[in-house]
Protein backbone atom coordinates (compact mmCIF):
# COMPACT_ATOMS: atom_id res chain seq x y z
CA MET A 1 -26.93 10.01 41.63
CA ALA A 2 -29.18 10.73 38.67
CA LYS A 3 -32.97 10.80 38.77
CA ASN A 4 -34.95 7.63 39.35
CA GLU A 5 -34.35 4.92 36.73
CA ILE A 6 -36.58 2.07 37.86
CA ARG A 7 -37.24 -0.80 35.46
CA LEU A 8 -39.01 -3.63 37.21
CA GLU A 9 -37.88 -6.54 35.04
CA TYR A 10 -34.31 -5.42 34.26
CA SER A 11 -33.51 -4.36 37.82
CA GLY A 12 -34.89 -7.61 39.17
CA PHE A 13 -32.88 -9.76 36.79
CA VAL A 14 -29.61 -7.90 37.41
CA ILE A 15 -29.89 -8.41 41.15
CA PHE A 16 -31.19 -11.95 40.77
CA ALA A 17 -28.26 -12.82 38.49
CA ALA A 18 -25.87 -11.34 41.03
CA GLN A 19 -27.52 -13.38 43.77
CA LEU A 20 -27.27 -16.57 41.73
CA LEU A 21 -23.59 -15.94 41.09
CA SER A 22 -23.22 -15.30 44.80
CA VAL A 23 -24.59 -18.79 45.43
CA ALA A 24 -21.35 -20.24 44.11
CA THR A 25 -19.24 -17.79 46.10
CA GLY A 26 -21.36 -18.42 49.19
CA VAL A 27 -21.01 -22.18 48.93
CA ILE A 28 -17.28 -21.89 48.29
CA PHE A 29 -16.83 -19.57 51.26
CA GLN A 30 -18.74 -21.84 53.65
CA LEU A 31 -16.91 -24.85 52.26
CA ILE A 32 -13.58 -23.14 52.89
CA ILE A 33 -14.61 -22.56 56.50
CA ILE A 34 -16.00 -26.07 57.06
CA ARG A 35 -12.98 -27.81 55.55
CA ALA A 36 -10.59 -25.57 57.45
CA ILE A 37 -12.45 -26.53 60.62
CA GLY A 38 -12.18 -30.20 59.64
CA ALA A 39 -8.44 -29.88 59.06
CA ILE A 40 -7.78 -29.04 62.71
CA ASN A 41 -10.66 -30.89 64.42
CA PRO A 42 -11.86 -34.52 64.55
CA PRO A 43 -14.87 -35.31 62.29
CA ASP A 44 -17.36 -35.38 65.16
CA LYS A 45 -16.38 -31.81 66.13
CA VAL A 46 -16.95 -30.19 62.73
CA SER A 47 -20.68 -29.50 63.13
CA GLU A 48 -20.09 -28.28 66.69
CA VAL A 49 -17.50 -25.67 65.68
CA TYR A 50 -19.54 -24.72 62.62
CA GLY A 51 -22.49 -24.27 64.96
CA ILE A 52 -20.50 -21.59 66.79
CA TRP A 53 -19.89 -19.83 63.47
CA SER A 54 -23.64 -19.94 62.76
CA ASN A 55 -24.37 -18.68 66.25
CA VAL A 56 -22.16 -15.60 66.12
CA SER A 57 -23.01 -14.63 62.54
CA LYS A 58 -26.70 -15.52 62.37
CA ASP A 59 -28.03 -15.68 65.92
CA VAL A 60 -26.21 -13.08 68.01
CA VAL A 61 -25.41 -10.26 65.57
CA PRO A 62 -29.03 -9.75 64.41
CA TYR A 63 -30.01 -8.69 67.91
CA PHE A 64 -27.57 -5.78 67.65
CA THR A 65 -28.63 -4.80 64.15
CA LEU A 66 -32.29 -4.46 65.07
CA MET A 67 -32.18 -0.79 64.13
CA ALA A 68 -30.15 -1.25 60.94
CA GLY A 69 -33.14 -1.09 58.62
CA VAL A 70 -35.41 1.20 60.64
CA LEU A 71 -34.35 4.65 59.44
CA PRO A 72 -33.38 3.35 55.96
CA PHE A 73 -37.00 2.22 55.59
CA TRP A 74 -38.13 5.85 55.71
CA ALA A 75 -35.06 7.19 53.89
CA LEU A 76 -35.96 4.98 50.92
CA ARG A 77 -39.56 6.19 50.89
CA PHE A 78 -38.56 9.86 51.07
CA THR A 79 -35.82 9.43 48.45
CA ALA A 80 -38.18 7.62 46.06
CA ARG A 81 -40.58 10.55 46.35
CA GLY A 82 -37.84 13.06 45.55
CA LYS A 83 -37.33 14.63 48.99
CA GLU A 84 -34.02 16.54 48.88
CA GLY A 85 -31.50 15.77 51.61
CA ALA A 86 -33.08 12.43 52.52
CA VAL A 87 -29.97 10.45 51.54
CA LYS A 88 -27.49 12.43 53.64
CA THR A 89 -29.84 12.58 56.60
CA GLY A 90 -30.37 8.82 56.50
CA VAL A 91 -26.68 7.97 56.16
CA LEU A 92 -25.52 10.18 59.04
CA ALA A 93 -28.30 9.01 61.35
CA ASN A 94 -27.80 5.31 60.65
CA LEU A 95 -24.03 5.42 61.06
CA THR A 96 -24.45 7.16 64.41
CA ILE A 97 -26.75 4.39 65.58
CA SER A 98 -24.28 1.77 64.30
CA PHE A 99 -21.49 3.02 66.54
CA ILE A 100 -23.78 2.97 69.57
CA ALA A 101 -24.95 -0.57 68.76
CA ALA A 102 -21.37 -1.81 68.30
CA LEU A 103 -20.33 -0.30 71.64
CA VAL A 104 -23.23 -1.95 73.47
CA TYR A 105 -22.35 -5.25 71.80
CA ILE A 106 -18.71 -5.04 72.89
CA LEU A 107 -19.74 -4.37 76.48
CA LEU A 108 -22.05 -7.40 76.48
CA VAL A 109 -19.70 -9.89 74.78
CA PRO A 110 -18.16 -11.22 78.06
CA PHE A 111 -21.61 -12.00 79.44
CA MET A 112 -22.84 -13.58 76.19
CA VAL A 113 -19.92 -15.96 75.68
CA SER A 114 -20.17 -17.01 79.32
CA ALA A 115 -23.91 -17.67 79.08
CA LEU A 116 -23.51 -19.62 75.83
CA GLY A 117 -20.54 -21.59 77.13
CA VAL A 118 -18.21 -20.47 74.33
CA SER A 119 -15.65 -18.40 76.25
CA ASP A 120 -12.81 -19.92 74.20
CA TYR A 121 -14.17 -17.98 71.22
CA SER A 122 -14.38 -14.59 72.94
CA PHE A 123 -12.00 -12.91 70.48
CA LEU A 124 -14.20 -14.00 67.56
CA TYR A 125 -17.23 -12.42 69.19
CA PHE A 126 -15.31 -9.18 69.86
CA VAL A 127 -14.06 -8.91 66.25
CA THR A 128 -17.63 -9.31 65.02
CA ALA A 129 -18.44 -5.84 66.41
CA VAL A 130 -17.00 -4.29 63.24
CA GLN A 131 -19.47 -6.21 61.11
CA ILE A 132 -22.31 -4.55 63.00
CA VAL A 133 -21.17 -1.14 61.72
CA ASP A 134 -20.84 -2.55 58.21
CA ILE A 135 -24.38 -3.91 58.27
CA TYR A 136 -25.82 -0.54 59.28
CA ALA A 137 -23.86 1.18 56.51
CA ILE A 138 -24.91 -1.32 53.83
CA ASN A 139 -28.56 -1.04 54.87
CA VAL A 140 -28.80 2.72 54.51
CA PHE A 141 -26.69 2.89 51.33
CA GLU A 142 -28.76 0.20 49.61
CA ALA A 143 -32.04 1.78 50.69
CA CYS A 144 -31.10 5.09 49.08
CA ILE A 145 -29.80 3.42 45.92
CA GLN A 146 -32.87 1.18 45.65
CA ALA A 147 -35.05 4.27 45.50
CA LYS A 148 -33.37 5.45 42.28
CA LYS A 149 -31.28 2.77 40.56
CA PRO A 150 -32.03 -0.58 42.20
CA HIS A 151 -30.07 -2.60 39.63
CA VAL A 152 -26.78 -1.00 40.78
CA ILE A 153 -27.08 -2.91 44.05
CA GLY A 154 -26.36 -6.05 42.05
CA TYR A 155 -22.94 -4.68 41.13
CA GLY A 156 -22.18 -3.97 44.78
CA LEU A 157 -23.17 -7.50 45.69
CA LEU A 158 -20.77 -8.94 43.11
CA LEU A 159 -17.94 -6.82 44.49
CA ARG A 160 -18.63 -8.07 48.01
CA GLU A 161 -18.95 -11.73 47.09
CA LEU A 162 -15.83 -11.89 44.94
CA SER A 163 -13.85 -10.05 47.61
CA LYS A 164 -15.21 -12.35 50.31
CA VAL A 165 -14.09 -15.54 48.57
CA SER A 166 -10.69 -14.17 47.52
CA LEU A 167 -9.92 -12.87 50.98
CA GLY A 168 -11.43 -15.93 52.62
CA TYR A 169 -9.14 -18.32 50.80
CA ILE A 170 -6.08 -16.41 51.98
CA LEU A 171 -7.15 -15.45 55.49
CA ILE A 172 -8.80 -18.76 56.41
CA ASN A 173 -6.31 -21.18 54.84
CA VAL A 174 -3.06 -19.25 55.22
CA VAL A 175 -3.06 -16.35 57.66
CA PHE A 176 -5.44 -17.84 60.26
CA SER A 177 -5.18 -21.54 59.44
CA ARG A 178 -5.20 -22.40 63.16
CA ASP A 179 -8.24 -20.22 63.80
CA PRO A 180 -10.41 -20.33 60.64
CA LEU A 181 -13.42 -18.64 62.25
CA ILE A 182 -11.38 -15.48 62.80
CA GLY A 183 -10.19 -15.58 59.20
CA GLY A 184 -13.75 -16.01 58.01
CA MET A 185 -15.07 -13.09 60.03
CA LEU A 186 -12.26 -10.77 58.89
CA SER A 187 -12.99 -11.74 55.28
CA LEU A 188 -16.62 -10.74 55.73
CA ILE A 189 -15.72 -7.46 57.40
CA ILE A 190 -13.30 -6.38 54.67
CA ALA A 191 -15.68 -7.43 51.88
CA PHE A 192 -18.58 -5.52 53.43
CA THR A 193 -16.35 -2.47 53.87
CA LEU A 194 -15.36 -2.51 50.18
CA GLN A 195 -19.04 -2.71 49.24
CA SER A 196 -19.80 0.28 51.48
CA ILE A 197 -17.05 2.34 49.83
CA TYR A 198 -18.50 1.56 46.39
CA TYR A 199 -21.97 2.66 47.48
CA PHE A 200 -20.56 5.79 49.12
CA ARG A 201 -19.04 6.87 45.81
CA LEU A 202 -22.32 6.27 43.97
CA LEU A 203 -24.16 8.51 46.42
CA SER A 204 -21.49 11.22 46.52
CA ASP A 205 -23.69 13.85 44.83
CA ASP A 206 -26.62 13.22 47.16
CA LEU A 207 -24.31 13.37 50.17
CA LYS A 208 -23.42 16.96 49.23
CA GLN A 209 -26.99 18.09 49.88
CA LYS A 210 -28.05 19.72 53.11
CA VAL A 211 -29.09 17.55 56.03
CA GLN A 212 -32.82 17.84 56.73
CA TRP A 213 -33.17 17.21 60.44
CA ASN A 214 -36.92 17.73 60.20
CA TYR A 215 -37.03 14.49 58.19
CA LEU A 216 -35.31 12.70 61.04
CA LYS A 217 -38.01 13.91 63.41
CA GLU A 218 -40.69 12.36 61.20
CA TRP A 219 -38.67 9.16 60.73
CA LEU A 220 -38.26 8.75 64.47
CA LYS A 221 -42.02 8.98 64.90
CA GLY A 222 -42.56 6.45 62.15
CA SER A 223 -39.76 4.27 63.43
CA VAL A 224 -41.87 3.23 66.38
CA ALA A 225 -43.67 0.94 63.95
CA ASN A 226 -40.38 -0.33 62.48
CA ILE A 227 -38.87 -1.03 65.88
CA TYR A 228 -42.08 -2.77 66.86
CA ASN A 229 -41.70 -4.94 63.75
CA VAL A 230 -38.00 -5.77 64.05
CA VAL A 231 -38.32 -6.57 67.75
CA GLY A 232 -41.14 -8.91 66.84
CA ASN A 233 -38.98 -10.56 64.19
CA GLN A 234 -36.10 -11.02 66.62
CA ILE A 235 -38.41 -12.48 69.23
CA ALA A 236 -39.55 -14.94 66.57
CA ALA A 237 -35.90 -15.71 65.76
CA PHE A 238 -35.28 -16.70 69.39
CA ILE A 239 -36.20 -20.25 68.43
CA PHE A 240 -32.72 -20.53 66.91
CA ILE A 241 -31.12 -19.56 70.21
CA MET A 242 -33.31 -22.23 71.80
CA LEU A 243 -32.12 -24.72 69.19
CA PHE A 244 -28.50 -23.86 70.04
CA ILE A 245 -29.08 -24.16 73.80
CA TYR A 246 -31.41 -27.17 74.02
CA GLY A 247 -30.54 -28.96 70.78
CA GLY A 248 -26.80 -28.31 71.00
CA GLU A 249 -24.15 -26.90 68.68
CA SER A 250 -24.53 -29.81 66.26
CA ALA A 251 -28.26 -29.21 65.85
CA ARG A 252 -27.61 -25.54 65.07
CA GLY A 253 -24.89 -26.55 62.64
CA VAL A 254 -27.21 -28.99 60.85
CA TYR A 255 -29.95 -26.38 60.62
CA GLY A 256 -27.43 -23.77 59.46
CA ALA A 257 -26.16 -25.95 56.63
CA ALA A 258 -29.68 -26.80 55.42
CA SER A 259 -30.80 -23.18 55.66
CA LEU A 260 -27.87 -22.07 53.48
CA ILE A 261 -29.25 -24.17 50.61
CA ALA A 262 -32.87 -23.20 51.23
CA ALA A 263 -31.94 -19.52 51.36
CA ILE A 264 -30.96 -19.71 47.69
CA ILE A 265 -34.65 -20.13 46.84
CA SER A 266 -35.45 -16.85 48.56
CA TYR A 267 -33.03 -15.11 46.18
CA SER A 268 -35.84 -15.25 43.61
CA SER A 269 -37.57 -12.54 45.66
CA TYR A 270 -34.93 -10.15 44.29
CA LEU A 271 -36.68 -10.41 40.94
CA ALA A 272 -39.28 -8.13 42.54
CA PHE A 273 -36.65 -5.89 44.14
CA ALA A 274 -37.70 -2.84 42.13
CA LEU A 275 -41.40 -3.36 42.91
CA TYR A 276 -41.28 -1.40 46.17
CA PRO A 277 -39.90 1.94 44.87
CA LYS A 278 -42.02 1.54 41.74
CA LEU A 279 -45.20 1.20 43.81
CA LEU A 280 -44.18 4.23 45.86
CA ALA A 281 -43.75 6.28 42.69
CA GLU A 282 -46.59 4.92 40.53
CA GLY A 283 -48.82 2.54 42.51
CA LYS A 284 -49.90 0.26 39.64
CA SER A 285 -51.41 -3.14 40.51
CA GLU A 286 -50.23 -4.53 37.15
CA ASP A 287 -46.67 -4.32 38.47
CA VAL A 288 -47.63 -6.67 41.31
CA THR A 289 -48.95 -9.25 38.84
CA THR A 290 -45.73 -8.99 36.85
CA ALA A 291 -43.66 -9.41 40.00
CA ILE A 292 -45.56 -12.53 41.10
CA ARG A 293 -45.15 -14.08 37.66
CA ILE A 294 -41.42 -13.39 37.44
CA VAL A 295 -40.69 -14.50 41.00
CA LEU A 296 -42.57 -17.80 40.73
CA MET A 297 -41.01 -18.52 37.34
CA PHE A 298 -37.77 -19.12 39.22
CA ALA A 299 -38.85 -19.88 42.80
CA LEU A 300 -40.87 -22.96 41.85
CA PRO A 301 -38.09 -24.85 39.99
CA MET A 302 -35.53 -23.82 42.60
CA THR A 303 -37.73 -25.32 45.31
CA ALA A 304 -38.22 -28.52 43.32
CA GLY A 305 -34.49 -28.82 42.72
CA ALA A 306 -33.60 -28.27 46.38
CA ILE A 307 -36.03 -31.02 47.41
CA VAL A 308 -34.94 -33.61 44.84
CA LEU A 309 -31.18 -33.00 45.19
CA SER A 310 -31.22 -32.29 48.93
CA ASP A 311 -28.76 -35.12 49.67
CA SER A 312 -26.22 -33.91 47.11
CA TYR A 313 -26.38 -30.28 48.22
CA LEU A 314 -25.84 -31.12 51.89
CA THR A 315 -23.01 -33.56 51.15
CA ILE A 316 -21.10 -30.71 49.50
CA PHE A 317 -20.54 -29.20 52.95
CA SER A 318 -19.85 -32.43 54.84
CA TYR A 319 -21.02 -36.03 54.65
CA GLU A 320 -22.19 -35.58 58.24
CA PHE A 321 -24.92 -33.20 57.04
CA ARG A 322 -26.38 -35.76 54.60
CA ALA A 323 -28.69 -37.02 57.34
CA ALA A 324 -30.44 -33.63 57.35
CA THR A 325 -32.19 -34.04 53.97
CA THR A 326 -35.64 -33.90 55.57
CA VAL A 327 -34.68 -30.62 57.23
CA LEU A 328 -33.75 -29.16 53.85
CA VAL A 329 -36.99 -30.38 52.27
CA VAL A 330 -39.04 -28.56 54.91
CA LEU A 331 -36.91 -25.42 54.70
CA ALA A 332 -37.14 -25.40 50.89
CA ILE A 333 -40.95 -25.29 51.05
CA ASP A 334 -40.71 -22.67 53.77
CA ALA A 335 -38.42 -20.55 51.57
CA LEU A 336 -40.98 -20.67 48.75
CA VAL A 337 -43.71 -19.45 51.09
CA ALA A 338 -41.42 -16.75 52.50
CA THR A 339 -40.56 -15.57 48.99
CA LEU A 340 -44.17 -15.19 47.94
CA SER A 341 -44.95 -13.61 51.29
CA GLY A 342 -42.23 -11.04 50.60
CA VAL A 343 -43.98 -9.93 47.41
CA TYR A 344 -47.28 -9.48 49.23
CA GLY A 345 -45.52 -7.68 52.06
CA THR A 346 -44.10 -5.26 49.51
CA VAL A 347 -47.63 -4.54 48.30
CA VAL A 348 -48.71 -3.59 51.81
CA ILE A 349 -45.90 -1.09 52.40
CA GLY A 350 -45.76 0.07 48.78
CA PHE A 351 -49.38 1.22 48.71
CA GLU A 352 -49.24 2.77 52.18
CA LYS A 353 -49.73 6.58 52.05
CA VAL A 354 -49.26 7.48 55.71
CA ASP A 355 -46.02 9.39 54.95
CA GLU A 356 -46.84 10.64 51.46
CA LYS A 357 -46.63 14.33 52.44
CA ALA A 358 -43.30 13.96 54.31
CA GLN A 359 -45.18 14.12 57.60
CA ILE A 360 -46.08 11.15 59.75
CA SER A 361 -49.01 11.14 62.14
CA PHE A 362 -48.42 8.66 64.93
CA LYS A 363 -52.15 8.21 65.38
CA GLU A 364 -52.68 7.46 61.70
CA LEU A 365 -49.67 5.14 61.69
CA LEU A 366 -51.16 3.01 64.45
CA LYS A 367 -54.40 2.69 62.47
CA SER A 368 -52.67 1.83 59.20
CA ARG A 369 -52.47 -1.59 57.57
CA LEU A 370 -48.70 -1.13 57.70
CA PHE A 371 -48.82 -1.40 61.48
CA LEU A 372 -51.16 -4.39 61.20
CA ALA A 373 -48.66 -6.18 58.96
CA PHE A 374 -45.87 -5.29 61.39
CA SER A 375 -47.79 -7.08 64.15
CA LEU A 376 -47.67 -10.48 62.46
CA PRO A 377 -44.26 -11.51 63.91
CA TYR A 378 -45.76 -11.38 67.40
CA LEU A 379 -48.50 -13.80 66.41
CA HIS A 380 -45.81 -15.93 64.76
CA SER A 381 -43.82 -15.97 68.02
CA ALA A 382 -46.89 -16.83 70.07
CA ILE A 383 -47.16 -20.00 68.00
CA THR A 384 -43.50 -20.99 67.66
CA LEU A 385 -41.83 -20.16 70.99
CA PRO A 386 -43.86 -22.37 73.35
CA THR A 387 -44.14 -25.12 70.75
CA THR A 388 -40.40 -25.11 70.09
CA PHE A 389 -39.58 -25.13 73.79
CA TYR A 390 -41.85 -28.14 74.33
CA ALA A 391 -40.47 -29.99 71.31
CA LEU A 392 -36.81 -29.46 72.24
CA THR A 393 -37.17 -30.21 75.96
CA VAL A 394 -39.67 -33.08 75.82
CA CYS A 395 -39.73 -34.70 72.37
CA VAL A 396 -36.07 -34.61 71.29
CA GLN A 397 -33.73 -37.25 72.70
CA ASN A 398 -30.16 -36.07 72.01
CA ASP A 399 -30.71 -36.17 68.26
CA PRO A 400 -29.43 -32.99 66.52
CA VAL A 401 -31.14 -33.80 63.20
CA GLN A 402 -34.46 -34.44 64.92
CA ALA A 403 -34.13 -31.19 66.86
CA ALA A 404 -33.43 -29.22 63.68
CA LEU A 405 -36.35 -30.93 61.91
CA TYR A 406 -38.83 -30.09 64.68
CA VAL A 407 -37.78 -26.44 64.67
CA SER A 408 -38.02 -26.21 60.88
CA ILE A 409 -41.52 -27.76 60.83
CA ILE A 410 -42.83 -25.52 63.60
CA ASN A 411 -41.39 -22.35 62.07
CA SER A 412 -42.60 -23.23 58.56
CA ALA A 413 -46.15 -23.97 59.70
CA ALA A 414 -46.34 -20.64 61.51
CA ARG A 415 -44.95 -18.76 58.50
CA PHE A 416 -47.60 -20.27 56.22
CA ALA A 417 -50.32 -19.16 58.63
CA MET A 418 -48.89 -15.62 58.60
CA PHE A 419 -48.84 -15.65 54.80
CA LEU A 420 -52.55 -16.45 54.67
CA ILE A 421 -53.27 -13.49 56.95
CA GLN A 422 -51.04 -11.27 54.82
CA TYR A 423 -52.90 -12.37 51.70
CA VAL A 424 -56.19 -11.25 53.27
CA ILE A 425 -54.66 -7.84 54.13
CA VAL A 426 -53.50 -7.32 50.54
CA ARG A 427 -56.92 -8.21 49.13
CA LYS A 428 -58.38 -5.34 51.17
CA ILE A 429 -55.81 -2.89 49.77
CA VAL A 430 -55.74 -3.59 46.04
CA ARG A 431 -57.11 -6.06 43.53
CA VAL A 432 -54.20 -8.20 42.38
CA LYS A 433 -54.60 -10.44 39.37
CA VAL A 434 -52.79 -13.71 40.05
CA PRO A 435 -51.30 -15.17 36.83
CA TRP A 436 -52.65 -18.68 37.36
CA SER A 437 -52.13 -19.75 33.76
CA ASN A 438 -48.42 -18.92 33.94
CA ILE A 439 -48.06 -20.56 37.34
CA ALA A 440 -49.59 -23.81 36.04
CA LYS A 441 -46.98 -23.92 33.28
CA TYR A 442 -44.17 -23.27 35.76
CA LEU A 443 -45.46 -26.07 38.00
CA PHE A 444 -45.60 -28.51 35.09
CA ALA A 445 -42.07 -27.65 33.96
CA SER A 446 -40.78 -27.87 37.55
CA ALA A 447 -42.38 -31.30 38.04
CA LEU A 448 -40.87 -32.57 34.80
CA MET A 449 -37.45 -31.28 35.83
CA ALA A 450 -37.80 -32.86 39.29
CA ILE A 451 -38.65 -36.27 37.81
CA VAL A 452 -35.58 -36.20 35.58
CA LEU A 453 -33.31 -35.09 38.44
CA PHE A 454 -34.73 -37.78 40.71
CA TRP A 455 -33.73 -40.56 38.31
CA LEU A 456 -30.30 -39.14 37.52
CA PRO A 457 -27.37 -40.17 39.77
CA HIS A 458 -27.04 -37.90 42.81
CA PRO A 459 -23.37 -36.82 42.99
CA THR A 460 -21.42 -35.98 46.13
CA THR A 461 -18.83 -33.61 44.65
CA ILE A 462 -19.20 -29.89 44.03
CA MET A 463 -18.60 -29.82 40.29
CA LEU A 464 -20.87 -32.77 39.49
CA THR A 465 -23.61 -31.39 41.73
CA PHE A 466 -23.43 -28.02 39.98
CA ALA A 467 -23.44 -29.84 36.61
CA ILE A 468 -26.59 -31.82 37.47
CA THR A 469 -28.19 -28.60 38.72
CA ALA A 470 -27.35 -26.90 35.43
CA VAL A 471 -28.92 -29.78 33.49
CA GLY A 472 -32.11 -29.40 35.48
CA GLY A 473 -32.13 -25.64 35.02
CA ILE A 474 -31.64 -25.86 31.26
CA LEU A 475 -34.40 -28.48 30.95
CA TYR A 476 -36.79 -26.28 32.92
CA LEU A 477 -36.04 -23.19 30.84
CA LEU A 478 -36.50 -25.08 27.58
CA VAL A 479 -39.90 -26.39 28.66
CA VAL A 480 -41.04 -23.01 30.00
CA MET A 481 -39.88 -21.19 26.88
CA ALA A 482 -41.83 -23.68 24.77
CA LEU A 483 -45.02 -23.37 26.84
CA ASP A 484 -45.11 -19.77 28.05
CA ARG A 485 -45.27 -16.77 25.72
CA ASP A 486 -44.64 -14.32 28.58
CA ALA A 487 -41.42 -16.15 29.43
CA ARG A 488 -40.20 -15.87 25.86
CA ILE A 489 -40.99 -12.15 25.76
CA LEU A 490 -39.31 -11.60 29.13
CA ILE A 491 -36.08 -13.37 28.18
CA SER A 492 -36.04 -11.52 24.86
CA ARG A 493 -36.35 -8.15 26.61
CA ILE A 494 -33.60 -8.97 29.08
CA LEU A 495 -31.21 -10.10 26.34
CA GLN A 496 -32.00 -7.00 24.30
CA THR A 497 -31.36 -4.73 27.27
CA VAL A 498 -28.08 -6.47 28.08
CA LYS A 499 -27.01 -6.11 24.45
CA ILE A 500 -27.76 -2.38 24.50
CA LYS A 501 -25.91 -1.95 27.82
CA SER A 502 -22.86 -3.77 26.51
């Protein structure tokens, strides 16, 4: 791959556009699964079976991909700083770990399905082992590409999403019509594999370089902090296992459906995707201000839209999920906080110099603000785990929506507290100018859009819901373009760049 070509705004918009397009493919894919489940199950069993899909793909697998982003974290930093051989070293090391993780997972599947009471779906859990390898591969490939040409990752995402939907339609509805969860998992595995092949070809020149095992030694020292962080995050995520066990499959299904919509808001964080390697290479605080402005330009209206049209979005999946509108409202606000928190988290790791000379001192790492930021998930867990256990075992009375709502409120409150702490950490690292004037304009335009959407009819079909969403989006952009000079300049630059590229 050629030398670093990092353009903050263009890279962010390419990936953001790819993510937005993937919203449609993601909704279609989940809809294919849900309706295929409904075709062979009674209505009251749909959320239960879908809860099993959410469990295997979102709850169980992450515990076996704990290490997926550990070495890529350092591979990205070394690659961004021009260290030769970092790409090949990272790829070989991460793939080795992936095979070990997949083997451990396979050995534990019989015990897991028995403990969760889902032994009838054992084959699904076994097949999922292949996805573990795919996730490790994607993580290291994208880390190395992000360090040089972050916008290219958007192309890989499009390849994966289009493949996923195309394969999903055939495998779920035709080949595995009697077992749609298997068809869905195979679709994901093949799509991820195609994406990995595309990335492999992009990195072919870097993969010809010599492996630098001395890098791996430094990464392993530094990875203590990463492992510490990912373990903390997975401990925090245990509340979703608790929701599945104490709230039931339906509660996990309700939460899963609402989180799919709320997750779309977090896609706006990809607008700052190039901020990390850019801070590693240049370290300019002005880039942080630009990132905050661009991210909130889209995150604020997306949050407002998810709140106002929560009933329509959930009904797309199944009318049964319509009762979970309050869950989606809470998760939408939580996604906004998580998105902004992601930008500030990037500032912490982007300005960190502990590995600048390709050597990592364990003592200095423990004293760094990076390690301090990595400790936040443990504080998060200390708040959420006991509170969630109490809420699900004492307060909830066989009500899946209530169970999902309690978990979403508890988790969101803890995340906001962690964001405030993170904000304090960033203030001690660098002076960041917050674009309050721009934010005020985005809030006004978002509020105006929300009022209009509130009074418009709320549809229950996919096409009409997308149409109403488009109306709201166009209204917001028109108001923002009229009020905000920076928005007009930004859109003009993007259009000009796209024209040149085409």
